């Protein structure tokens, strides 16, 4: 097991290196690359542009720029072109803002998807299964921004609670119970919206996987031996149906960045996804490269977690 972990870590470090190189080259080869910044501000004089290139090492060869960029990134010297703030500091602040949104949405998605999908598979073709299927396809088909605006109208009109930003203006000096409830109200709607699409999709996967496992010979044998239905469904069938979802669980980490762009934009939530979108519009290349690097780290970390979870779910892998 230790040798497997060691090989996996080495492979992921090598992969991360190649990802960082490719993303760095794409930024410089794409239209609007850092060496062609003249259209960014027509007021820039040639002297200012030259000083800008020297300050950010854009006048050096690409391999030198690559080394200087990642050296400055890990030492905290790389700054944003937009406001001259340290890149890692800005991303860490936005990461802390996105974390509760991601955490609550993930819990809602995974705790509700499995009961809905399993019950649909057990009562296949019944009223519950048809209703769950209709609602799932409806949530998958309707755009997320439309659902967001409908929820905003309903919540603001009927409950009169805040929905934009992370806190209500003027609550900075309120008591901590009031501030806590204010944060909960602001967090509730974006989290529910982020979970709706995930519940709809994941519950369909759970249903199809459970139906496939329920048709296996060992499940029919367990039923024929007279085992209780709950033991057959949840001990024998569900455990074997979990294997594909171990991989899916490991890949939810990148949702900290890419999965929250629309939600954070609609609800004015100052998170990582919104920051990455604004950086692309402003051509803030240090932020773009760093966010891309962190996304790659999250993907590789998620796959590593999935590999370890396989050892828990399927004992045969230990052989």
Protein backbone atom coordinates (compact mmCIF):
# COMPACT_ATOMS: atom_id res chain seq x y z
CA UNK A 1 0.00 0.00 0.00
CA UNK A 2 2.83 2.42 0.84
CA UNK A 3 4.49 1.72 -2.51
CA UNK A 4 1.18 2.40 -4.26
CA UNK A 5 0.80 5.72 -2.44
CA UNK A 6 4.39 6.69 -3.23
CA UNK A 7 4.01 5.91 -6.95
CA UNK A 8 0.70 7.75 -7.08
CA UNK A 9 2.16 10.88 -5.49
CA UNK A 10 5.14 10.88 -7.87
CA UNK A 11 2.88 10.43 -10.91
CA UNK A 12 0.63 13.29 -9.81
CA UNK A 13 3.59 15.61 -9.20
CA UNK A 14 4.88 14.91 -12.72
CA UNK A 15 1.39 15.48 -14.13
CA UNK A 16 1.09 18.75 -12.22
CA UNK A 17 4.39 19.93 -13.68
CA UNK A 18 3.27 19.28 -17.26
CA UNK A 19 -0.10 20.94 -16.59
CA UNK A 20 1.66 24.05 -15.27
CA UNK A 21 3.94 24.17 -18.34
CA UNK A 22 1.09 23.73 -20.83
CA UNK A 23 -1.14 26.31 -19.16
CA UNK A 24 1.74 28.79 -19.02
CA UNK A 25 2.44 28.32 -22.74
CA UNK A 26 -1.24 28.62 -23.68
CA UNK A 27 -1.49 31.95 -21.85
CA UNK A 28 1.48 33.30 -23.80
CA UNK A 29 0.49 31.87 -27.19
CA UNK A 30 -3.18 32.83 -27.12
CA UNK A 31 -4.39 36.18 -28.55
CA UNK A 32 -3.97 38.90 -25.96
CA UNK A 33 -0.92 37.26 -24.40
CA UNK A 34 1.10 39.21 -21.80
CA UNK A 35 3.68 40.31 -24.36
CA UNK A 36 0.93 42.09 -26.32
CA UNK A 37 -0.59 44.29 -23.64
CA UNK A 38 -0.81 47.52 -25.67
CA UNK A 39 -4.62 47.27 -26.16
CA UNK A 40 -5.21 47.01 -22.43
CA UNK A 41 -4.90 50.73 -21.86
CA UNK A 42 -4.47 53.22 -24.70
CA UNK A 43 -3.06 55.76 -22.24
CA UNK A 44 0.05 53.67 -21.68
CA UNK A 45 3.13 55.27 -23.16
CA UNK A 46 5.93 53.13 -24.62
CA UNK A 47 8.05 53.96 -21.56
CA UNK A 48 5.33 52.75 -19.18
CA UNK A 49 4.85 49.57 -21.20
CA UNK A 50 8.57 48.85 -21.15
CA UNK A 51 8.76 49.42 -17.39
CA UNK A 52 5.73 47.14 -16.97
CA UNK A 53 7.41 44.37 -18.96
CA UNK A 54 10.59 44.67 -16.96
CA UNK A 55 8.79 44.68 -13.62
CA UNK A 56 6.87 41.49 -14.45
CA UNK A 57 9.76 39.85 -16.34
CA UNK A 58 7.90 39.88 -19.67
CA UNK A 59 11.08 40.87 -21.49
CA UNK A 60 12.80 37.59 -20.56
CA UNK A 61 12.63 34.20 -22.34
CA UNK A 62 9.58 32.05 -21.63
CA UNK A 63 11.41 29.45 -19.54
CA UNK A 64 12.83 32.23 -17.34
CA UNK A 65 9.37 33.77 -16.97
CA UNK A 66 8.01 30.35 -15.98
CA UNK A 67 10.65 29.83 -13.30
CA UNK A 68 10.33 33.37 -11.94
CA UNK A 69 6.52 33.19 -11.87
CA UNK A 70 6.30 29.97 -9.85
CA UNK A 71 9.19 30.97 -7.64
CA UNK A 72 7.38 34.22 -6.84
CA UNK A 73 4.10 32.32 -6.40
CA UNK A 74 5.47 30.01 -3.72
CA UNK A 75 7.40 32.80 -1.98
CA UNK A 76 4.44 35.20 -2.02
CA UNK A 77 6.08 37.71 -4.36
CA UNK A 78 3.77 37.23 -7.37
CA UNK A 79 1.17 40.01 -7.41
CA UNK A 80 -2.02 40.70 -9.32
CA UNK A 81 -1.72 43.03 -12.29
CA UNK A 82 -5.08 44.55 -11.44
CA UNK A 83 -4.45 45.85 -7.91
CA UNK A 84 -0.84 44.82 -7.15
CA UNK A 85 -1.96 42.59 -4.27
CA UNK A 86 -0.24 39.23 -3.53
CA UNK A 87 -1.92 36.53 -5.58
CA UNK A 88 -2.01 33.85 -2.89
CA UNK A 89 -3.44 36.29 -0.34
CA UNK A 90 -6.30 37.26 -2.68
CA UNK A 91 -7.06 33.65 -3.56
CA UNK A 92 -6.96 32.55 0.08
CA UNK A 93 -9.52 35.23 1.04
CA UNK A 94 -11.82 34.17 -1.78
CA UNK A 95 -11.26 30.49 -0.96
CA UNK A 96 -12.52 31.05 2.59
CA UNK A 97 -15.62 32.71 1.13
CA UNK A 98 -16.30 29.86 -1.30
CA UNK A 99 -15.67 27.11 1.24
CA UNK A 100 -18.98 27.32 3.18
CA UNK A 101 -20.94 27.59 -0.07
CA UNK A 102 -19.19 24.52 -1.46
CA UNK A 103 -19.40 22.60 1.81
CA UNK A 104 -23.14 23.11 2.39
CA UNK A 105 -24.00 22.48 -1.27
CA UNK A 106 -21.98 19.26 -1.34
CA UNK A 107 -23.60 17.95 1.84
CA UNK A 108 -27.09 18.67 0.48
CA UNK A 109 -26.26 17.03 -2.85
CA UNK A 110 -24.80 13.81 -1.50
CA UNK A 111 -27.18 13.33 1.45
CA UNK A 112 -30.33 13.79 -0.66
CA UNK A 113 -29.27 12.15 -3.92
CA UNK A 114 -28.74 8.67 -2.51
CA UNK A 115 -32.09 8.30 -0.69
CA UNK A 116 -33.96 9.61 -3.76
CA UNK A 117 -32.06 7.39 -6.20
CA UNK A 118 -32.18 4.26 -4.06
CA UNK A 119 -35.92 4.57 -3.39
CA UNK A 120 -36.57 5.16 -7.10
CA UNK A 121 -34.65 1.99 -7.94
CA UNK A 122 -36.42 -0.12 -5.30
CA UNK A 123 -39.88 1.06 -6.40
CA UNK A 124 -39.09 1.15 -10.09
CA UNK A 125 -42.01 2.24 -12.27
CA UNK A 126 -44.12 3.39 -9.33
CA UNK A 127 -45.55 6.81 -8.59
CA UNK A 128 -42.50 7.85 -6.55
CA UNK A 129 -40.09 6.80 -9.28
CA UNK A 130 -42.04 8.62 -12.00
CA UNK A 131 -42.34 11.76 -9.88
CA UNK A 132 -38.64 11.78 -8.99
CA UNK A 133 -37.70 11.23 -12.64
CA UNK A 134 -39.92 14.09 -13.81
CA UNK A 135 -38.56 16.51 -11.20
CA UNK A 136 -34.96 15.48 -11.93
CA UNK A 137 -35.29 16.04 -15.68
CA UNK A 138 -37.05 19.33 -15.02
CA UNK A 139 -34.20 20.58 -12.83
CA UNK A 140 -31.63 19.38 -15.38
CA UNK A 141 -33.41 21.09 -18.28
CA UNK A 142 -34.21 24.46 -16.72
CA UNK A 143 -31.21 26.87 -16.69
CA UNK A 144 -29.74 27.53 -13.26
CA UNK A 145 -29.96 31.31 -13.56
CA UNK A 146 -33.73 31.05 -14.21
CA UNK A 147 -34.24 28.92 -11.10
CA UNK A 148 -32.08 31.40 -9.18
CA UNK A 149 -34.26 34.37 -10.11
CA UNK A 150 -37.45 32.45 -9.31
CA UNK A 151 -36.07 31.53 -5.88
CA UNK A 152 -34.96 35.10 -5.27
CA UNK A 153 -38.44 36.45 -6.07
CA UNK A 154 -40.18 33.87 -3.88
CA UNK A 155 -37.83 34.23 -0.92
CA UNK A 156 -37.64 38.02 -0.94
CA UNK A 157 -41.41 38.43 -1.46
CA UNK A 158 -42.62 35.86 1.06
CA UNK A 159 -39.86 35.58 3.67
CA UNK A 160 -38.29 39.05 3.38
CA UNK A 161 -34.78 37.72 3.95
CA UNK A 162 -31.51 38.96 2.37
CA UNK A 163 -30.14 37.02 -0.59
CA UNK A 164 -27.23 39.05 -2.02
CA UNK A 165 -23.66 39.12 -0.75
CA UNK A 166 -22.35 37.47 2.40
CA UNK A 167 -23.83 39.83 4.98
CA UNK A 168 -26.37 42.59 5.33
CA UNK A 169 -25.09 46.13 5.34
CA UNK A 170 -25.04 47.49 8.89
CA UNK A 171 -24.76 44.10 10.62
CA UNK A 172 -21.03 44.45 11.30
CA UNK A 173 -21.72 45.85 14.79
CA UNK A 174 -24.58 43.48 15.63
CA UNK A 175 -24.35 40.73 18.25
CA UNK A 176 -22.83 37.42 17.16
CA UNK A 177 -26.16 35.48 17.17
CA UNK A 178 -27.65 38.08 14.82
CA UNK A 179 -24.56 38.04 12.60
CA UNK A 180 -24.62 34.23 12.52
CA UNK A 181 -28.25 34.10 11.44
CA UNK A 182 -27.58 36.80 8.86
CA UNK A 183 -24.76 34.70 7.37
CA UNK A 184 -27.00 31.61 7.38
CA UNK A 185 -29.75 33.42 5.47
CA UNK A 186 -27.25 34.66 2.88
CA UNK A 187 -25.73 31.18 2.58
CA UNK A 188 -28.99 29.25 2.34
CA UNK A 189 -30.27 30.23 -1.10
CA UNK A 190 -26.97 29.92 -3.07
CA UNK A 191 -26.29 26.56 -1.40
CA UNK A 192 -29.75 25.21 -2.25
CA UNK A 193 -29.42 26.42 -5.83
CA UNK A 194 -25.98 24.84 -6.15
CA UNK A 195 -27.33 21.54 -4.86
CA UNK A 196 -30.45 21.29 -7.05
CA UNK A 197 -28.66 20.41 -10.27
CA UNK A 198 -26.30 18.04 -8.47
CA UNK A 199 -29.18 16.23 -6.77
CA UNK A 200 -31.03 15.83 -10.07
CA UNK A 201 -28.02 14.38 -11.90
CA UNK A 202 -26.55 12.29 -9.10
CA UNK A 203 -29.88 10.72 -8.11
CA UNK A 204 -30.26 9.47 -11.71
CA UNK A 205 -26.82 7.87 -11.54
CA UNK A 206 -27.66 6.25 -8.20
CA UNK A 207 -30.91 4.87 -9.59
CA UNK A 208 -29.32 3.38 -12.71
CA UNK A 209 -26.42 1.88 -10.77
CA UNK A 210 -28.73 0.35 -8.16
CA UNK A 211 -30.94 -1.15 -10.89
CA UNK A 212 -27.88 -2.72 -12.51
CA UNK A 213 -26.68 -4.24 -9.23
CA UNK A 214 -30.17 -5.39 -8.20
CA UNK A 215 -30.25 -7.55 -11.31
CA UNK A 216 -27.09 -9.48 -10.39
CA UNK A 217 -27.24 -13.15 -9.44
CA UNK A 218 -25.92 -12.70 -5.91
CA UNK A 219 -28.73 -10.22 -5.10
CA UNK A 220 -31.37 -12.63 -6.38
CA UNK A 221 -29.72 -15.39 -4.34
CA UNK A 222 -29.85 -13.22 -1.21
CA UNK A 223 -33.56 -12.59 -1.79
CA UNK A 224 -34.19 -16.30 -2.38
CA UNK A 225 -32.48 -17.17 0.92
CA UNK A 226 -35.08 -15.04 2.71
CA UNK A 227 -32.85 -12.19 3.86
CA UNK A 228 -34.69 -9.04 4.98
CA UNK A 229 -35.22 -6.56 2.10
CA UNK A 230 -33.30 -3.79 3.86
CA UNK A 231 -30.28 -6.06 4.27
CA UNK A 232 -30.42 -7.08 0.61
CA UNK A 233 -30.75 -3.50 -0.68
CA UNK A 234 -28.45 -1.63 1.65
CA UNK A 235 -25.80 -4.19 2.62
CA UNK A 236 -25.39 -6.31 -0.50
CA UNK A 237 -26.56 -4.13 -3.38
CA UNK A 238 -25.67 -0.62 -2.24
CA UNK A 239 -22.07 -1.36 -1.30
CA UNK A 240 -21.31 -2.72 -4.75
CA UNK A 241 -23.19 0.15 -6.38
CA UNK A 242 -20.98 2.68 -4.59
CA UNK A 243 -17.82 1.99 -6.60
CA UNK A 244 -18.48 4.46 -9.46
CA UNK A 245 -19.43 7.17 -6.98
CA UNK A 246 -16.08 6.92 -5.23
CA UNK A 247 -14.51 8.35 -8.37
CA UNK A 248 -17.19 11.02 -8.63
CA UNK A 249 -16.68 12.00 -5.00
CA UNK A 250 -12.99 12.60 -5.59
CA UNK A 251 -13.74 14.91 -8.51
CA UNK A 252 -16.00 17.30 -6.58
CA UNK A 253 -13.04 19.29 -5.23
CA UNK A 254 -12.60 21.38 -8.41
CA UNK A 255 -16.16 22.58 -7.80
CA UNK A 256 -14.61 25.04 -5.36
CA UNK A 257 -13.60 27.07 -8.43
CA UNK A 258 -15.46 26.19 -11.59
CA UNK A 259 -18.78 25.04 -10.22
CA UNK A 260 -19.72 28.29 -8.51
CA UNK A 261 -19.13 30.97 -11.17
CA UNK A 262 -22.79 31.49 -12.12
CA UNK A 263 -24.08 31.23 -8.56
CA UNK A 264 -21.51 33.63 -7.17
CA UNK A 265 -22.20 36.11 -9.97
CA UNK A 266 -25.98 36.04 -9.47
CA UNK A 267 -25.84 36.35 -5.69
CA UNK A 268 -22.85 38.76 -5.62
CA UNK A 269 -20.92 36.21 -3.55
CA UNK A 270 -17.20 37.13 -3.38
CA UNK A 271 -15.81 33.65 -4.05
CA UNK A 272 -13.10 32.04 -6.13
CA UNK A 273 -15.25 31.37 -9.18
CA UNK A 274 -16.29 35.00 -9.46
CA UNK A 275 -12.69 36.13 -8.95
CA UNK A 276 -11.48 33.84 -11.75
CA UNK A 277 -14.17 35.18 -14.10
CA UNK A 278 -13.26 38.78 -13.31
CA UNK A 279 -9.56 37.98 -13.80
CA UNK A 280 -10.26 36.60 -17.28
CA UNK A 281 -12.19 39.74 -18.23
CA UNK A 282 -9.38 41.95 -16.89
CA UNK A 283 -6.60 39.76 -18.37
CA UNK A 284 -5.06 39.44 -14.95
CA UNK A 285 -2.69 36.65 -15.98
CA UNK A 286 -1.09 35.94 -12.57
CA UNK A 287 -4.56 35.26 -11.12
CA UNK A 288 -5.59 33.15 -14.12
CA UNK A 289 -2.43 31.01 -14.01
CA UNK A 290 -2.63 30.55 -10.25
CA UNK A 291 -6.30 29.58 -10.30
CA UNK A 292 -5.58 27.11 -13.11
CA UNK A 293 -2.69 25.65 -11.10
CA UNK A 294 -4.88 25.31 -7.99
CA UNK A 295 -7.61 23.65 -10.09
CA UNK A 296 -5.09 21.08 -11.28
CA UNK A 297 -3.96 20.48 -7.69
CA UNK A 298 -7.58 19.96 -6.60
CA UNK A 299 -8.25 17.49 -9.44
CA UNK A 300 -5.14 15.45 -8.66
CA UNK A 301 -5.87 15.54 -4.93
CA UNK A 302 -9.42 14.37 -5.62
CA UNK A 303 -8.25 11.43 -7.72
CA UNK A 304 -5.77 10.49 -4.98
CA UNK A 305 -8.57 10.54 -2.40
CA UNK A 306 -10.65 8.34 -4.72
CA UNK A 307 -7.81 5.82 -4.96
CA UNK A 308 -7.65 5.60 -1.19
CA UNK A 309 -11.43 5.32 -0.82
CA UNK A 310 -11.44 2.35 -3.18
CA UNK A 311 -9.46 0.45 -0.56
CA UNK A 312 -12.28 1.02 1.92
CA UNK A 313 -15.22 0.31 -0.37
CA UNK A 314 -13.80 -2.69 -2.25
CA UNK A 315 -11.60 -5.00 -0.12
CA UNK A 316 -10.49 -6.90 -3.26
CA UNK A 317 -8.31 -3.95 -4.28
CA UNK A 318 -6.05 -4.61 -1.27
CA UNK A 319 -4.86 -7.79 -2.98
